[in-house]
Amino acid sequence: MRVDLPLGQLERYEYPHPEPADFDAFWSRTLREQAGHPLEPRFEPVDACITTLDVYDLSFRGYAGDEVRGWLLLPRERTGPLPLVVEYLGYGSGRGHPIESLAYASAGFAHAVMDSRGQGSSGRAGHTADPHGAGPSAPGFMTRDLLDPERYYYRRLYTDAYRFVDAVAGHEAVAGGRIAVTGRSQGGALALVAAGLRDDVRLAMPHVPFLSAFRRALEVTDHSPHGELVKWLAAHRGSADDAFATLAYFDAVAFARRATCPGRFCVALHDVVSPPSTVFAAYNAYAGPKDMTVWQYNGHEAGGPEDLLRTIRAVRELVS
């Protein structure tokens, strides 16, 4: 069953809605304001019952100086600084237990997993609060303060994603010049955010990135989490233009336009969570060298373990 355009049209699809004229100014100001909060990265060793890796309970100060948690996993046997794989998580998921994140450190890399503030109670558990209030919203995170880009939930999470790289890159086991960012779904969008806002990311591996081409997404799916937007818009009649005006500051397509490192995407043609046209919207806008892996018969799980292997191989190419 096809859920979106034929592949030939997807490969040519360009999102027709413009980004805000002050997009760069908005994010420059946001990051400049947040730079006033010290990072205060901390790495506390933990016994995670894993004999081949060193595991650290990581914390740092994200948006507004709020504490954000994560994991840093390192090969126990190492002789020098390691390439860093920064992983962001899918919608609703938290950092979980270190035993759920063995692949990248087992392949010989430093692996940092960022908790998503306020999430972490759907699937893997999280340990980071979001202490900021919100106006009327549909259940979930997509519509929290949707009419105010200054207060919108994703302004906080995107800032966390940016600062997380700084927090981890300073660790003595990390080779700061060899940074890859990756993630699935929401995590793929955060990888695009980091690659678009930073100039030290060497590789982006967004798997079926979510949070892209919002207007297009709502034309082809009402599946959660996009369904949260549909419910909110149905209740707040007459507010659609203002809502989409906010979302435009957080569209992964705009961040993709600013990313210049190599980008290796994947898309799943049966995906109703990240519809293929929204993934191709980000891919076709991506400014750096890029390639796309198409999973023809998969849904949002996309390549599963094959995507992990694609990432490992790509990072190895990066450091070879």
C-alpha atoms as a PDB file:
ATOM      1  CA  MET A   1       0.000   0.000   0.000  1.00  0.00           C
ATOM      2  CA  ARG A   2       1.461   3.357  -1.029  1.00  0.00           C
ATOM      3  CA  VAL A   3       1.092   6.009   1.664  1.00  0.00           C
ATOM      4  CA  ASP A   4       2.526   8.919  -0.317  1.00  0.00           C
ATOM      5  CA  LEU A   5       3.752   9.951  -3.764  1.00  0.00           C
ATOM      6  CA  PRO A   6       5.444   7.518  -6.183  1.00  0.00           C
ATOM      7  CA  LEU A   7       9.199   7.297  -5.693  1.00  0.00           C
ATOM      8  CA  GLY A   8       9.989   9.266  -8.847  1.00  0.00           C
ATOM      9  CA  GLN A   9       7.931  12.208  -7.603  1.00  0.00           C
ATOM     10  CA  LEU A  10       9.375  11.913  -4.101  1.00  0.00           C
ATOM     11  CA  GLU A  11      12.878  12.254  -5.488  1.00  0.00           C
ATOM     12  CA  ARG A  12      11.887  15.611  -6.990  1.00  0.00           C
ATOM     13  CA  TYR A  13       9.669  16.857  -4.175  1.00  0.00           C
ATOM     14  CA  GLU A  14      10.469  20.306  -2.785  1.00  0.00           C
ATOM     15  CA  TYR A  15       8.528  21.715   0.138  1.00  0.00           C
ATOM     16  CA  PRO A  16       6.807  24.837  -1.253  1.00  0.00           C
ATOM     17  CA  HIS A  17       6.301  26.785   1.967  1.00  0.00           C
ATOM     18  CA  PRO A  18       8.927  29.437   2.793  1.00  0.00           C
ATOM     19  CA  GLU A  19      10.790  29.654   6.062  1.00  0.00           C
ATOM     20  CA  PRO A  20      10.538  32.788   8.232  1.00  0.00           C
ATOM     21  CA  ALA A  21      12.627  35.709   7.032  1.00  0.00           C
ATOM     22  CA  ASP A  22      14.172  35.993  10.497  1.00  0.00           C
ATOM     23  CA  PHE A  23      14.889  32.251  10.891  1.00  0.00           C
ATOM     24  CA  ASP A  24      18.657  32.734  11.249  1.00  0.00           C
ATOM     25  CA  ALA A  25      18.235  35.716  13.555  1.00  0.00           C
ATOM     26  CA  PHE A  26      15.824  33.740  15.758  1.00  0.00           C
ATOM     27  CA  TRP A  27      18.254  30.875  16.240  1.00  0.00           C
ATOM     28  CA  SER A  28      21.334  33.073  16.562  1.00  0.00           C
ATOM     29  CA  ARG A  29      19.605  35.013  19.327  1.00  0.00           C
ATOM     30  CA  THR A  30      18.386  31.843  21.014  1.00  0.00           C
ATOM     31  CA  LEU A  31      21.838  30.296  21.137  1.00  0.00           C
ATOM     32  CA  ARG A  32      23.476  33.562  22.156  1.00  0.00           C
ATOM     33  CA  GLU A  33      21.054  33.967  25.056  1.00  0.00           C
ATOM     34  CA  GLN A  34      21.507  30.368  26.161  1.00  0.00           C
ATOM     35  CA  ALA A  35      25.301  30.639  26.028  1.00  0.00           C
ATOM     36  CA  GLY A  36      24.998  32.668  29.227  1.00  0.00           C
ATOM     37  CA  HIS A  37      24.225  29.461  31.113  1.00  0.00           C
ATOM     38  CA  PRO A  38      27.346  27.424  31.971  1.00  0.00           C
ATOM     39  CA  LEU A  39      27.377  23.902  30.540  1.00  0.00           C
ATOM     40  CA  GLU A  40      28.656  22.233  33.718  1.00  0.00           C
ATOM     41  CA  PRO A  41      29.119  18.784  32.119  1.00  0.00           C
ATOM     42  CA  ARG A  42      29.456  15.954  34.608  1.00  0.00           C
ATOM     43  CA  PHE A  43      30.390  12.339  33.980  1.00  0.00           C
ATOM     44  CA  GLU A  44      29.743   9.942  36.837  1.00  0.00           C
ATOM     45  CA  PRO A  45      30.915   6.345  36.305  1.00  0.00           C
ATOM     46  CA  VAL A  46      28.195   3.737  36.808  1.00  0.00           C
ATOM     47  CA  ASP A  47      28.215  -0.051  37.057  1.00  0.00           C
ATOM     48  CA  ALA A  48      25.963  -1.008  34.156  1.00  0.00           C
ATOM     49  CA  CYS A  49      26.895  -4.728  34.232  1.00  0.00           C
ATOM     50  CA  ILE A  50      28.746  -4.326  30.920  1.00  0.00           C
ATOM     51  CA  THR A  51      32.294  -5.671  31.063  1.00  0.00           C
ATOM     52  CA  THR A  52      33.466  -4.340  27.678  1.00  0.00           C
ATOM     53  CA  LEU A  53      32.467  -0.688  28.089  1.00  0.00           C
ATOM     54  CA  ASP A  54      32.947   2.186  30.496  1.00  0.00           C
ATOM     55  CA  VAL A  55      29.611   3.864  31.176  1.00  0.00           C
ATOM     56  CA  TYR A  56      29.043   7.356  32.544  1.00  0.00           C
ATOM     57  CA  ASP A  57      25.870   8.982  33.802  1.00  0.00           C
ATOM     58  CA  LEU A  58      26.133  12.271  31.949  1.00  0.00           C
ATOM     59  CA  SER A  59      24.507  15.548  32.913  1.00  0.00           C
ATOM     60  CA  PHE A  60      24.806  19.073  31.557  1.00  0.00           C
ATOM     61  CA  ARG A  61      22.922  22.372  31.555  1.00  0.00           C
ATOM     62  CA  GLY A  62      20.639  22.774  28.570  1.00  0.00           C
ATOM     63  CA  TYR A  63      18.024  25.404  27.805  1.00  0.00           C
ATOM     64  CA  ALA A  64      17.620  27.971  30.624  1.00  0.00           C
ATOM     65  CA  GLY A  65      20.307  26.148  32.591  1.00  0.00           C
ATOM     66  CA  ASP A  66      18.013  23.160  33.167  1.00  0.00           C
ATOM     67  CA  GLU A  67      19.727  19.878  33.964  1.00  0.00           C
ATOM     68  CA  VAL A  68      19.620  17.393  31.082  1.00  0.00           C
ATOM     69  CA  ARG A  69      20.745  13.790  31.443  1.00  0.00           C
ATOM     70  CA  GLY A  70      22.306  11.274  29.109  1.00  0.00           C
ATOM     71  CA  TRP A  71      24.793   8.434  28.828  1.00  0.00           C
ATOM     72  CA  LEU A  72      28.372   8.352  27.609  1.00  0.00           C
ATOM     73  CA  LEU A  73      29.578   4.887  26.628  1.00  0.00           C
ATOM     74  CA  LEU A  74      33.225   4.219  25.803  1.00  0.00           C
ATOM     75  CA  PRO A  75      35.137   1.084  24.792  1.00  0.00           C
ATOM     76  CA  ARG A  76      36.985  -0.082  27.890  1.00  0.00           C
ATOM     77  CA  GLU A  77      40.117  -0.742  25.857  1.00  0.00           C
ATOM     78  CA  ARG A  78      41.147   2.424  24.045  1.00  0.00           C
ATOM     79  CA  THR A  79      44.466   4.039  23.261  1.00  0.00           C
ATOM     80  CA  GLY A  80      43.484   7.608  22.437  1.00  0.00           C
ATOM     81  CA  PRO A  81      40.641   9.999  21.660  1.00  0.00           C
ATOM     82  CA  LEU A  82      37.745   8.390  19.813  1.00  0.00           C
ATOM     83  CA  PRO A  83      35.311   9.496  17.110  1.00  0.00           C
ATOM     84  CA  LEU A  84      32.068  10.605  18.735  1.00  0.00           C
ATOM     85  CA  VAL A  85      28.603   9.400  17.747  1.00  0.00           C
ATOM     86  CA  VAL A  86      25.943  11.666  19.234  1.00  0.00           C
ATOM     87  CA  GLU A  87      22.555   9.976  19.276  1.00  0.00           C
ATOM     88  CA  TYR A  88      19.206  11.717  19.717  1.00  0.00           C
ATOM     89  CA  LEU A  89      16.061   9.777  20.540  1.00  0.00           C
ATOM     90  CA  GLY A  90      12.680   9.187  18.980  1.00  0.00           C
ATOM     91  CA  TYR A  91       9.461  10.807  20.145  1.00  0.00           C
ATOM     92  CA  GLY A  92       8.464   9.814  23.654  1.00  0.00           C
ATOM     93  CA  SER A  93      11.597   7.801  24.327  1.00  0.00           C
ATOM     94  CA  GLY A  94      14.170   8.442  27.039  1.00  0.00           C
ATOM     95  CA  ARG A  95      17.780   7.400  27.464  1.00  0.00           C
ATOM     96  CA  GLY A  96      16.694   4.091  28.990  1.00  0.00           C
ATOM     97  CA  HIS A  97      19.337   1.722  30.347  1.00  0.00           C
ATOM     98  CA  PRO A  98      22.878   1.678  28.919  1.00  0.00           C
ATOM     99  CA  ILE A  99      22.432  -1.958  27.910  1.00  0.00           C
ATOM    100  CA  GLU A 100      19.949  -0.717  25.289  1.00  0.00           C
ATOM    101  CA  SER A 101      22.682   1.334  23.563  1.00  0.00           C
ATOM    102  CA  LEU A 102      25.615  -0.984  22.959  1.00  0.00           C
ATOM    103  CA  ALA A 103      26.170  -0.848  19.190  1.00  0.00           C
ATOM    104  CA  TYR A 104      28.278   2.267  18.624  1.00  0.00           C
ATOM    105  CA  ALA A 105      30.650   1.939  21.574  1.00  0.00           C
ATOM    106  CA  SER A 106      31.039  -1.766  20.767  1.00  0.00           C
ATOM    107  CA  ALA A 107      32.119  -0.691  17.281  1.00  0.00           C
ATOM    108  CA  GLY A 108      34.911   1.384  18.801  1.00  0.00           C
ATOM    109  CA  PHE A 109      33.374   4.855  19.062  1.00  0.00           C
ATOM    110  CA  ALA A 110      32.514   7.173  21.912  1.00  0.00           C
ATOM    111  CA  HIS A 111      28.727   7.128  22.076  1.00  0.00           C
ATOM    112  CA  ALA A 112      26.659   9.849  23.732  1.00  0.00           C
ATOM    113  CA  VAL A 113      22.884   9.417  24.143  1.00  0.00           C
ATOM    114  CA  MET A 114      20.832  12.493  25.057  1.00  0.00           C
ATOM    115  CA  ASP A 115      17.671  12.262  27.133  1.00  0.00           C
ATOM    116  CA  SER A 116      14.762  14.271  25.700  1.00  0.00           C
ATOM    117  CA  ARG A 117      13.400  16.650  28.315  1.00  0.00           C
ATOM    118  CA  GLY A 118       9.945  15.773  29.598  1.00  0.00           C
ATOM    119  CA  GLN A 119       9.767  12.634  27.465  1.00  0.00           C
ATOM    120  CA  GLY A 120      10.842   9.136  28.389  1.00  0.00           C
ATOM    121  CA  SER A 121       7.609   7.464  29.404  1.00  0.00           C
ATOM    122  CA  SER A 122       6.814   5.761  26.110  1.00  0.00           C
ATOM    123  CA  GLY A 123       9.203   2.925  25.378  1.00  0.00           C
ATOM    124  CA  ARG A 124      12.552   3.593  27.033  1.00  0.00           C
ATOM    125  CA  ALA A 125      12.500   5.473  30.332  1.00  0.00           C
ATOM    126  CA  GLY A 126      13.805   9.014  30.668  1.00  0.00           C
ATOM    127  CA  HIS A 127      15.246  10.965  33.586  1.00  0.00           C
ATOM    128  CA  THR A 128      15.049  14.625  32.493  1.00  0.00           C
ATOM    129  CA  ALA A 129      12.224  16.949  33.495  1.00  0.00           C
ATOM    130  CA  ASP A 130      10.884  19.890  31.511  1.00  0.00           C
ATOM    131  CA  PRO A 131      10.180  22.426  34.269  1.00  0.00           C
ATOM    132  CA  HIS A 132       8.589  25.023  31.992  1.00  0.00           C
ATOM    133  CA  GLY A 133       4.848  25.618  31.853  1.00  0.00           C
ATOM    134  CA  ALA A 134       2.611  25.465  28.826  1.00  0.00           C
ATOM    135  CA  GLY A 135      -0.671  26.817  27.571  1.00  0.00           C
ATOM    136  CA  PRO A 136      -3.539  24.662  26.312  1.00  0.00           C
ATOM    137  CA  SER A 137      -2.150  21.673  24.459  1.00  0.00           C
ATOM    138  CA  ALA A 138      -3.156  18.303  23.101  1.00  0.00           C
ATOM    139  CA  PRO A 139      -1.678  15.276  24.938  1.00  0.00           C
ATOM    140  CA  GLY A 140       1.989  14.955  23.999  1.00  0.00           C
ATOM    141  CA  PHE A 141       4.651  17.557  23.163  1.00  0.00           C
ATOM    142  CA  MET A 142       3.863  18.780  19.648  1.00  0.00           C
ATOM    143  CA  THR A 143       1.437  21.525  20.702  1.00  0.00           C
ATOM    144  CA  ARG A 144       2.983  22.851  23.913  1.00  0.00           C
ATOM    145  CA  ASP A 145       2.814  26.653  23.556  1.00  0.00           C
ATOM    146  CA  LEU A 146       2.280  26.203  19.845  1.00  0.00           C
ATOM    147  CA  LEU A 147       1.336  29.844  19.245  1.00  0.00           C
ATOM    148  CA  ASP A 148       4.538  31.302  20.691  1.00  0.00           C
ATOM    149  CA  PRO A 149       7.895  30.348  19.126  1.00  0.00           C
ATOM    150  CA  GLU A 150       9.701  31.804  22.148  1.00  0.00           C
ATOM    151  CA  ARG A 151       7.952  29.363  24.481  1.00  0.00           C
ATOM    152  CA  TYR A 152       7.344  26.413  22.163  1.00  0.00           C
ATOM    153  CA  TYR A 153       8.544  23.081  23.544  1.00  0.00           C
ATOM    154  CA  TYR A 154      10.923  22.370  20.683  1.00  0.00           C
ATOM    155  CA  ARG A 155      12.856  25.579  21.206  1.00  0.00           C
ATOM    156  CA  ARG A 156      14.025  24.025  24.463  1.00  0.00           C
ATOM    157  CA  LEU A 157      14.720  20.588  23.021  1.00  0.00           C
ATOM    158  CA  TYR A 158      16.605  21.931  19.989  1.00  0.00           C
ATOM    159  CA  THR A 159      18.747  24.073  22.271  1.00  0.00           C
ATOM    160  CA  ASP A 160      19.493  21.015  24.409  1.00  0.00           C
ATOM    161  CA  ALA A 161      20.556  19.132  21.271  1.00  0.00           C
ATOM    162  CA  TYR A 162      22.950  21.920  20.283  1.00  0.00           C
ATOM    163  CA  ARG A 163      24.515  22.223  23.741  1.00  0.00           C
ATOM    164  CA  PHE A 164      24.795  18.463  24.194  1.00  0.00           C
ATOM    165  CA  VAL A 165      27.495  18.308  21.530  1.00  0.00           C
ATOM    166  CA  ASP A 166      29.559  20.905  23.397  1.00  0.00           C
ATOM    167  CA  ALA A 167      29.064  19.087  26.685  1.00  0.00           C
ATOM    168  CA  VAL A 168      30.329  15.761  25.342  1.00  0.00           C
ATOM    169  CA  ALA A 169      32.983  16.950  22.894  1.00  0.00           C
ATOM    170  CA  GLY A 170      35.055  18.292  25.784  1.00  0.00           C
ATOM    171  CA  HIS A 171      35.524  14.868  27.372  1.00  0.00           C
ATOM    172  CA  GLU A 172      39.113  13.667  27.303  1.00  0.00           C
ATOM    173  CA  ALA A 173      38.182  10.424  25.504  1.00  0.00           C
ATOM    174  CA  VAL A 174      36.537  12.257  22.596  1.00  0.00           C
ATOM    175  CA  ALA A 175      38.242  13.440  19.431  1.00  0.00           C
ATOM    176  CA  GLY A 176      36.471  16.771  19.033  1.00  0.00           C
ATOM    177  CA  GLY A 177      37.143  17.046  15.306  1.00  0.00           C
ATOM    178  CA  ARG A 178      35.384  13.764  14.471  1.00  0.00           C
ATOM    179  CA  ILE A 179      31.728  14.189  15.427  1.00  0.00           C
ATOM    180  CA  ALA A 180      28.787  12.367  13.861  1.00  0.00           C
ATOM    181  CA  VAL A 181      25.162  13.020  14.784  1.00  0.00           C
ATOM    182  CA  THR A 182      22.387  10.510  14.294  1.00  0.00           C
ATOM    183  CA  GLY A 183      18.934   9.460  15.419  1.00  0.00           C
ATOM    184  CA  ARG A 184      15.664   7.984  14.282  1.00  0.00           C
ATOM    185  CA  SER A 185      12.412   9.914  13.764  1.00  0.00           C
ATOM    186  CA  GLN A 186      12.497  12.838  16.246  1.00  0.00           C
ATOM    187  CA  GLY A 187      16.151  11.925  16.772  1.00  0.00           C
ATOM    188  CA  GLY A 188      16.776  12.235  13.048  1.00  0.00           C
ATOM    189  CA  ALA A 189      15.321  15.731  13.106  1.00  0.00           C
ATOM    190  CA  LEU A 190      17.557  16.657  16.046  1.00  0.00           C
ATOM    191  CA  ALA A 191      20.552  15.380  14.083  1.00  0.00           C
ATOM    192  CA  LEU A 192      19.584  17.769  11.272  1.00  0.00           C
ATOM    193  CA  VAL A 193      19.215  20.589  13.800  1.00  0.00           C
ATOM    194  CA  ALA A 194      22.705  19.963  15.168  1.00  0.00           C
ATOM    195  CA  ALA A 195      24.206  19.680  11.681  1.00  0.00           C
ATOM    196  CA  GLY A 196      22.450  22.846  10.546  1.00  0.00           C
ATOM    197  CA  LEU A 197      23.395  24.980  13.534  1.00  0.00           C
ATOM    198  CA  ARG A 198      26.964  23.799  14.101  1.00  0.00           C
ATOM    199  CA  ASP A 199      30.102  23.919  11.961  1.00  0.00           C
ATOM    200  CA  ASP A 200      32.000  21.122  13.748  1.00  0.00           C
ATOM    201  CA  VAL A 201      29.728  18.202  12.836  1.00  0.00           C
ATOM    202  CA  ARG A 202      31.449  16.017  10.247  1.00  0.00           C
ATOM    203  CA  LEU A 203      28.610  13.606   9.432  1.00  0.00           C
ATOM    204  CA  ALA A 204      24.825  13.534   9.824  1.00  0.00           C
ATOM    205  CA  MET A 205      22.891  10.242   9.731  1.00  0.00           C
ATOM    206  CA  PRO A 206      19.171  11.076  10.029  1.00  0.00           C
ATOM    207  CA  HIS A 207      16.981   7.982   9.873  1.00  0.00           C
ATOM    208  CA  VAL A 208      13.362   8.687   8.760  1.00  0.00           C
ATOM    209  CA  PRO A 209      13.519  12.206  10.262  1.00  0.00           C
ATOM    210  CA  PHE A 210      10.338  13.537  11.821  1.00  0.00           C
ATOM    211  CA  LEU A 211       9.457  17.241  12.363  1.00  0.00           C
ATOM    212  CA  SER A 212       9.837  18.021   8.659  1.00  0.00           C
ATOM    213  CA  ALA A 213       7.509  19.804   6.220  1.00  0.00           C
ATOM    214  CA  PHE A 214       4.662  20.164   8.720  1.00  0.00           C
ATOM    215  CA  ARG A 215       2.017  21.385   6.289  1.00  0.00           C
ATOM    216  CA  ARG A 216       2.752  18.525   3.909  1.00  0.00           C
ATOM    217  CA  ALA A 217       2.692  16.004   6.760  1.00  0.00           C
ATOM    218  CA  LEU A 218      -0.822  17.002   7.753  1.00  0.00           C
ATOM    219  CA  GLU A 219      -1.973  16.627   4.158  1.00  0.00           C
ATOM    220  CA  VAL A 220      -1.055  12.929   4.106  1.00  0.00           C
ATOM    221  CA  THR A 221      -1.281  11.627   7.689  1.00  0.00           C
ATOM    222  CA  ASP A 222      -3.099  12.113  10.972  1.00  0.00           C
ATOM    223  CA  HIS A 223      -1.093   9.366  12.648  1.00  0.00           C
ATOM    224  CA  SER A 224       0.478  10.220  15.999  1.00  0.00           C
ATOM    225  CA  PRO A 225       2.420  12.404  16.707  1.00  0.00           C
ATOM    226  CA  HIS A 226       1.104  14.514  13.809  1.00  0.00           C
ATOM    227  CA  GLY A 227      -2.343  13.629  15.082  1.00  0.00           C
ATOM    228  CA  GLU A 228      -1.657  15.866  18.092  1.00  0.00           C
ATOM    229  CA  LEU A 229      -1.482  18.826  15.736  1.00  0.00           C
ATOM    230  CA  VAL A 230      -4.683  17.748  14.004  1.00  0.00           C
ATOM    231  CA  LYS A 231      -6.533  17.520  17.343  1.00  0.00           C
ATOM    232  CA  TRP A 232      -5.229  20.910  18.468  1.00  0.00           C
ATOM    233  CA  LEU A 233      -6.138  22.593  15.187  1.00  0.00           C
ATOM    234  CA  ALA A 234      -9.602  21.029  15.289  1.00  0.00           C
ATOM    235  CA  ALA A 235     -10.173  22.532  18.747  1.00  0.00           C
ATOM    236  CA  HIS A 236      -8.508  25.894  18.037  1.00  0.00           C
ATOM    237  CA  ARG A 237     -10.418  26.822  14.924  1.00  0.00           C
ATOM    238  CA  GLY A 238      -8.982  29.838  13.178  1.00  0.00           C
ATOM    239  CA  SER A 239      -5.472  29.442  14.635  1.00  0.00           C
ATOM    240  CA  ALA A 240      -3.906  27.350  11.866  1.00  0.00           C
ATOM    241  CA  ASP A 241      -1.894  30.172  10.274  1.00  0.00           C
ATOM    242  CA  ASP A 242      -0.428  31.226  13.621  1.00  0.00           C
ATOM    243  CA  ALA A 243       0.382  27.620  14.518  1.00  0.00           C
ATOM    244  CA  PHE A 244       2.162  26.977  11.242  1.00  0.00           C
ATOM    245  CA  ALA A 245       4.012  30.278  11.623  1.00  0.00           C
ATOM    246  CA  THR A 246       5.520  28.927  14.854  1.00  0.00           C
ATOM    247  CA  LEU A 247       6.270  25.502  13.403  1.00  0.00           C
ATOM    248  CA  ALA A 248       8.217  27.091  10.555  1.00  0.00           C
ATOM    249  CA  TYR A 249      10.998  28.010  13.009  1.00  0.00           C
ATOM    250  CA  PHE A 250      11.332  24.345  13.949  1.00  0.00           C
ATOM    251  CA  ASP A 251      11.035  22.632  10.584  1.00  0.00           C
ATOM    252  CA  ALA A 252      13.914  20.237   9.946  1.00  0.00           C
ATOM    253  CA  VAL A 253      13.805  21.253   6.272  1.00  0.00           C
ATOM    254  CA  ALA A 254      15.163  24.688   7.182  1.00  0.00           C
ATOM    255  CA  PHE A 255      18.004  23.211   9.232  1.00  0.00           C
ATOM    256  CA  ALA A 256      18.829  20.818   6.387  1.00  0.00           C
ATOM    257  CA  ARG A 257      19.326  23.832   4.093  1.00  0.00           C
ATOM    258  CA  ARG A 258      22.103  25.008   6.418  1.00  0.00           C
ATOM    259  CA  ALA A 259      23.930  21.694   6.894  1.00  0.00           C
ATOM    260  CA  THR A 260      27.091  21.287   4.818  1.00  0.00           C
ATOM    261  CA  CYS A 261      28.627  18.073   6.204  1.00  0.00           C
ATOM    262  CA  PRO A 262      27.883  14.776   4.416  1.00  0.00           C
ATOM    263  CA  GLY A 263      24.331  13.629   5.118  1.00  0.00           C
ATOM    264  CA  ARG A 264      23.201  10.030   4.788  1.00  0.00           C
ATOM    265  CA  PHE A 265      19.453   9.681   5.048  1.00  0.00           C
ATOM    266  CA  CYS A 266      17.001   6.838   4.939  1.00  0.00           C
ATOM    267  CA  VAL A 267      13.297   6.784   4.142  1.00  0.00           C
ATOM    268  CA  ALA A 268      10.638   4.072   4.400  1.00  0.00           C
ATOM    269  CA  LEU A 269       7.924   4.107   1.757  1.00  0.00           C
ATOM    270  CA  HIS A 270       5.242   2.627   4.061  1.00  0.00           C
ATOM    271  CA  ASP A 271       5.948   5.123   6.856  1.00  0.00           C
ATOM    272  CA  VAL A 272       2.845   6.940   8.154  1.00  0.00           C
ATOM    273  CA  VAL A 273       4.732   8.605  11.043  1.00  0.00           C
ATOM    274  CA  SER A 274       7.370  10.347   8.925  1.00  0.00           C
ATOM    275  CA  PRO A 275       5.651  10.362   5.522  1.00  0.00           C
ATOM    276  CA  PRO A 276       8.143   9.830   2.687  1.00  0.00           C
ATOM    277  CA  SER A 277       7.484  13.226   1.078  1.00  0.00           C
ATOM    278  CA  THR A 278       8.432  14.978   4.326  1.00  0.00           C
ATOM    279  CA  VAL A 279      11.684  13.027   4.544  1.00  0.00           C
ATOM    280  CA  PHE A 280      12.484  13.819   0.917  1.00  0.00           C
ATOM    281  CA  ALA A 281      11.630  17.473   1.592  1.00  0.00           C
ATOM    282  CA  ALA A 282      14.491  17.583   4.109  1.00  0.00           C
ATOM    283  CA  TYR A 283      16.774  15.465   1.935  1.00  0.00           C
ATOM    284  CA  ASN A 284      16.237  17.502  -1.224  1.00  0.00           C
ATOM    285  CA  ALA A 285      16.886  20.708   0.736  1.00  0.00           C
ATOM    286  CA  TYR A 286      20.069  19.371   2.335  1.00  0.00           C
ATOM    287  CA  ALA A 287      23.011  21.554   1.358  1.00  0.00           C
ATOM    288  CA  GLY A 288      25.881  19.123   1.873  1.00  0.00           C
ATOM    289  CA  PRO A 289      26.911  15.981  -0.020  1.00  0.00           C
ATOM    290  CA  LYS A 290      24.166  13.430   0.523  1.00  0.00           C
ATOM    291  CA  ASP A 291      22.716  10.058  -0.273  1.00  0.00           C
ATOM    292  CA  MET A 292      19.413   8.347   0.455  1.00  0.00           C
ATOM    293  CA  THR A 293      18.704   4.726   1.344  1.00  0.00           C
ATOM    294  CA  VAL A 294      15.139   3.736   0.437  1.00  0.00           C
ATOM    295  CA  TRP A 295      13.431   0.978   2.417  1.00  0.00           C
ATOM    296  CA  GLN A 296      10.689   0.092  -0.034  1.00  0.00           C
ATOM    297  CA  TYR A 297       8.577  -2.243   2.106  1.00  0.00           C
ATOM    298  CA  ASN A 298       9.132  -0.851   5.596  1.00  0.00           C
ATOM    299  CA  GLY A 299       7.208   1.454   7.863  1.00  0.00           C
ATOM    300  CA  HIS A 300       8.614   3.722  10.563  1.00  0.00           C
ATOM    301  CA  GLU A 301      11.035   1.037  11.739  1.00  0.00           C
ATOM    302  CA  ALA A 302      12.820   1.638   8.405  1.00  0.00           C
ATOM    303  CA  GLY A 303      16.073  -0.343   8.218  1.00  0.00           C
ATOM    304  CA  GLY A 304      16.218  -1.276  11.898  1.00  0.00           C
ATOM    305  CA  PRO A 305      19.607  -2.932  12.529  1.00  0.00           C
ATOM    306  CA  GLU A 306      20.642  -2.183   8.953  1.00  0.00           C
ATOM    307  CA  ASP A 307      20.501   1.525   9.809  1.00  0.00           C
ATOM    308  CA  LEU A 308      22.828   0.932  12.764  1.00  0.00           C
ATOM    309  CA  LEU A 309      25.251  -0.839  10.453  1.00  0.00           C
ATOM    310  CA  ARG A 310      24.983   1.957   7.868  1.00  0.00           C
ATOM    311  CA  THR A 311      25.916   4.442  10.579  1.00  0.00           C
ATOM    312  CA  ILE A 312      28.859   2.387  11.829  1.00  0.00           C
ATOM    313  CA  ARG A 313      30.228   1.995   8.313  1.00  0.00           C
ATOM    314  CA  ALA A 314      29.790   5.702   7.585  1.00  0.00           C
ATOM    315  CA  VAL A 315      31.637   6.739  10.756  1.00  0.00           C
ATOM    316  CA  ARG A 316      34.444   4.340   9.935  1.00  0.00           C
ATOM    317  CA  GLU A 317      34.734   5.986   6.512  1.00  0.00           C
ATOM    318  CA  LEU A 318      34.813   9.362   8.228  1.00  0.00           C
ATOM    319  CA  VAL A 319      37.853   8.482  10.330  1.00  0.00           C
ATOM    320  CA  SER A 320      39.704   6.292   7.821  1.00  0.00           C
END
